[in-house]
Amino acid sequence: MENCCFEKKTPRSEEERRRLINRLSRIEGQIRGIKGMLERDAYCTDVLVQSAAVIAAVNSFNKDLIAAHIKGCVARELREGNDEVINDLVVTLQKLMK
């Protein structure tokens, strides 16, 4: 049986893949918008507000992805008796909370 998390691949449904890519595309658009603001010498506060919006969007993306990871890969590994996946999850969460 393929082990998605330790093979460094996670099979996703087309819907999930499309949803995640769409979110990243919106974030990418926000970043391009900030770049344009800088090119137009936008006021610092306006740029900072948009930067904060990007950070919130990335955090939201990460929350959705970690939830999918827990419900999918982590749950599957636990059902198969691999408790080491808990340590891996802790390490991942610690990296996200820097």
C-alpha atoms as a PDB file:
ATOM      1  CA  MET A   1       0.000   0.000   0.000  1.00  0.00           C
ATOM      2  CA  GLU A   2       1.318   3.433  -0.917  1.00  0.00           C
ATOM      3  CA  ASN A   3       2.151   5.621   2.052  1.00  0.00           C
ATOM      4  CA  CYS A   4       1.311   9.161   0.914  1.00  0.00           C
ATOM      5  CA  CYS A   5       2.983  11.109   3.675  1.00  0.00           C
ATOM      6  CA  PHE A   6       6.326   9.309   3.786  1.00  0.00           C
ATOM      7  CA  GLU A   7       6.611   8.916   0.020  1.00  0.00           C
ATOM      8  CA  LYS A   8       6.448  12.710  -0.110  1.00  0.00           C
ATOM      9  CA  LYS A   9       3.306  12.645  -2.252  1.00  0.00           C
ATOM     10  CA  THR A  10      -0.310  13.204  -1.351  1.00  0.00           C
ATOM     11  CA  PRO A  11      -2.932  12.093  -3.855  1.00  0.00           C
ATOM     12  CA  ARG A  12      -5.673  14.698  -4.066  1.00  0.00           C
ATOM     13  CA  SER A  13      -9.023  14.752  -5.749  1.00  0.00           C
ATOM     14  CA  GLU A  14      -9.368  17.028  -8.766  1.00  0.00           C
ATOM     15  CA  GLU A  15     -11.749  19.213  -6.745  1.00  0.00           C
ATOM     16  CA  GLU A  16      -9.332  19.606  -3.842  1.00  0.00           C
ATOM     17  CA  ARG A  17      -6.393  20.291  -6.179  1.00  0.00           C
ATOM     18  CA  ARG A  18      -8.404  22.878  -8.126  1.00  0.00           C
ATOM     19  CA  ARG A  19      -9.593  24.573  -4.923  1.00  0.00           C
ATOM     20  CA  LEU A  20      -6.066  24.829  -3.495  1.00  0.00           C
ATOM     21  CA  ILE A  21      -4.598  26.079  -6.774  1.00  0.00           C
ATOM     22  CA  ASN A  22      -7.357  28.684  -7.085  1.00  0.00           C
ATOM     23  CA  ARG A  23      -6.561  29.974  -3.605  1.00  0.00           C
ATOM     24  CA  LEU A  24      -2.875  30.204  -4.442  1.00  0.00           C
ATOM     25  CA  SER A  25      -3.708  32.018  -7.678  1.00  0.00           C
ATOM     26  CA  ARG A  26      -5.679  34.607  -5.710  1.00  0.00           C
ATOM     27  CA  ILE A  27      -2.755  35.022  -3.313  1.00  0.00           C
ATOM     28  CA  GLU A  28      -0.412  35.379  -6.269  1.00  0.00           C
ATOM     29  CA  GLY A  29      -2.691  38.116  -7.617  1.00  0.00           C
ATOM     30  CA  GLN A  30      -2.578  39.886  -4.267  1.00  0.00           C
ATOM     31  CA  ILE A  31       1.226  39.787  -4.323  1.00  0.00           C
ATOM     32  CA  ARG A  32       1.279  41.220  -7.846  1.00  0.00           C
ATOM     33  CA  GLY A  33      -1.066  43.937  -6.605  1.00  0.00           C
ATOM     34  CA  ILE A  34       1.339  44.841  -3.814  1.00  0.00           C
ATOM     35  CA  LYS A  35       4.213  44.931  -6.279  1.00  0.00           C
ATOM     36  CA  GLY A  36       2.186  47.306  -8.439  1.00  0.00           C
ATOM     37  CA  MET A  37       1.474  49.477  -5.420  1.00  0.00           C
ATOM     38  CA  LEU A  38       5.201  49.765  -4.749  1.00  0.00           C
ATOM     39  CA  GLU A  39       5.877  50.597  -8.379  1.00  0.00           C
ATOM     40  CA  ARG A  40       3.305  53.412  -8.073  1.00  0.00           C
ATOM     41  CA  ASP A  41       4.820  54.633  -4.793  1.00  0.00           C
ATOM     42  CA  ALA A  42       1.673  53.820  -2.810  1.00  0.00           C
ATOM     43  CA  TYR A  43       1.503  55.035   0.773  1.00  0.00           C
ATOM     44  CA  CYS A  44       3.254  52.684   3.230  1.00  0.00           C
ATOM     45  CA  THR A  45       0.146  52.045   5.302  1.00  0.00           C
ATOM     46  CA  ASP A  46      -1.834  51.001   2.239  1.00  0.00           C
ATOM     47  CA  VAL A  47       0.903  48.533   1.250  1.00  0.00           C
ATOM     48  CA  LEU A  48       1.081  47.172   4.789  1.00  0.00           C
ATOM     49  CA  VAL A  49      -2.683  46.587   4.880  1.00  0.00           C
ATOM     50  CA  GLN A  50      -2.480  44.614   1.645  1.00  0.00           C
ATOM     51  CA  SER A  51       0.538  42.697   2.943  1.00  0.00           C
ATOM     52  CA  ALA A  52      -1.442  41.751   6.057  1.00  0.00           C
ATOM     53  CA  ALA A  53      -4.259  40.521   3.803  1.00  0.00           C
ATOM     54  CA  VAL A  54      -1.784  38.259   1.992  1.00  0.00           C
ATOM     55  CA  ILE A  55      -0.516  36.872   5.288  1.00  0.00           C
ATOM     56  CA  ALA A  56      -4.103  36.140   6.356  1.00  0.00           C
ATOM     57  CA  ALA A  57      -4.805  34.440   3.021  1.00  0.00           C
ATOM     58  CA  VAL A  58      -1.683  32.247   3.302  1.00  0.00           C
ATOM     59  CA  ASN A  59      -2.597  31.361   6.900  1.00  0.00           C
ATOM     60  CA  SER A  60      -6.074  30.370   5.763  1.00  0.00           C
ATOM     61  CA  PHE A  61      -4.587  28.226   2.983  1.00  0.00           C
ATOM     62  CA  ASN A  62      -2.304  26.545   5.542  1.00  0.00           C
ATOM     63  CA  LYS A  63      -5.225  25.857   7.899  1.00  0.00           C
ATOM     64  CA  ASP A  64      -7.154  24.132   5.137  1.00  0.00           C
ATOM     65  CA  LEU A  65      -4.130  22.128   4.024  1.00  0.00           C
ATOM     66  CA  ILE A  66      -3.211  21.003   7.549  1.00  0.00           C
ATOM     67  CA  ALA A  67      -6.833  19.982   8.184  1.00  0.00           C
ATOM     68  CA  ALA A  68      -6.801  17.881   5.012  1.00  0.00           C
ATOM     69  CA  HIS A  69      -3.470  16.391   6.056  1.00  0.00           C
ATOM     70  CA  ILE A  70      -4.778  15.429   9.499  1.00  0.00           C
ATOM     71  CA  LYS A  71      -8.034  14.001   8.154  1.00  0.00           C
ATOM     72  CA  GLY A  72      -6.269  12.155   5.345  1.00  0.00           C
ATOM     73  CA  CYS A  73      -2.630  11.161   5.806  1.00  0.00           C
ATOM     74  CA  VAL A  74      -2.404  11.365   9.593  1.00  0.00           C
ATOM     75  CA  ALA A  75      -5.677   9.505  10.209  1.00  0.00           C
ATOM     76  CA  ARG A  76      -4.715   6.808   7.695  1.00  0.00           C
ATOM     77  CA  GLU A  77      -1.303   6.321   9.296  1.00  0.00           C
ATOM     78  CA  LEU A  78      -2.812   6.096  12.781  1.00  0.00           C
ATOM     79  CA  ARG A  79      -5.341   3.504  11.603  1.00  0.00           C
ATOM     80  CA  GLU A  80      -2.411   1.517  10.176  1.00  0.00           C
ATOM     81  CA  GLY A  81      -0.665   1.652  13.563  1.00  0.00           C
ATOM     82  CA  ASN A  82       2.011   4.208  12.704  1.00  0.00           C
ATOM     83  CA  ASP A  83       2.139   6.413  15.803  1.00  0.00           C
ATOM     84  CA  GLU A  84       5.310   8.133  14.495  1.00  0.00           C
ATOM     85  CA  VAL A  85       3.030  10.251  12.329  1.00  0.00           C
ATOM     86  CA  ILE A  86       2.095  12.165  15.505  1.00  0.00           C
ATOM     87  CA  ASN A  87       5.700  13.290  15.968  1.00  0.00           C
ATOM     88  CA  ASP A  88       5.843  14.315  12.320  1.00  0.00           C
ATOM     89  CA  LEU A  89       2.655  16.331  12.768  1.00  0.00           C
ATOM     90  CA  VAL A  90       4.056  18.057  15.854  1.00  0.00           C
ATOM     91  CA  VAL A  91       7.205  19.030  13.924  1.00  0.00           C
ATOM     92  CA  THR A  92       5.085  20.364  11.055  1.00  0.00           C
ATOM     93  CA  LEU A  93       2.899  22.410  13.400  1.00  0.00           C
ATOM     94  CA  GLN A  94       5.966  23.814  15.136  1.00  0.00           C
ATOM     95  CA  LYS A  95       7.351  24.942  11.770  1.00  0.00           C
ATOM     96  CA  LEU A  96       4.046  26.620  10.931  1.00  0.00           C
ATOM     97  CA  MET A  97       3.951  28.494  14.238  1.00  0.00           C
ATOM     98  CA  LYS A  98       7.362  30.164  13.968  1.00  0.00           C
END
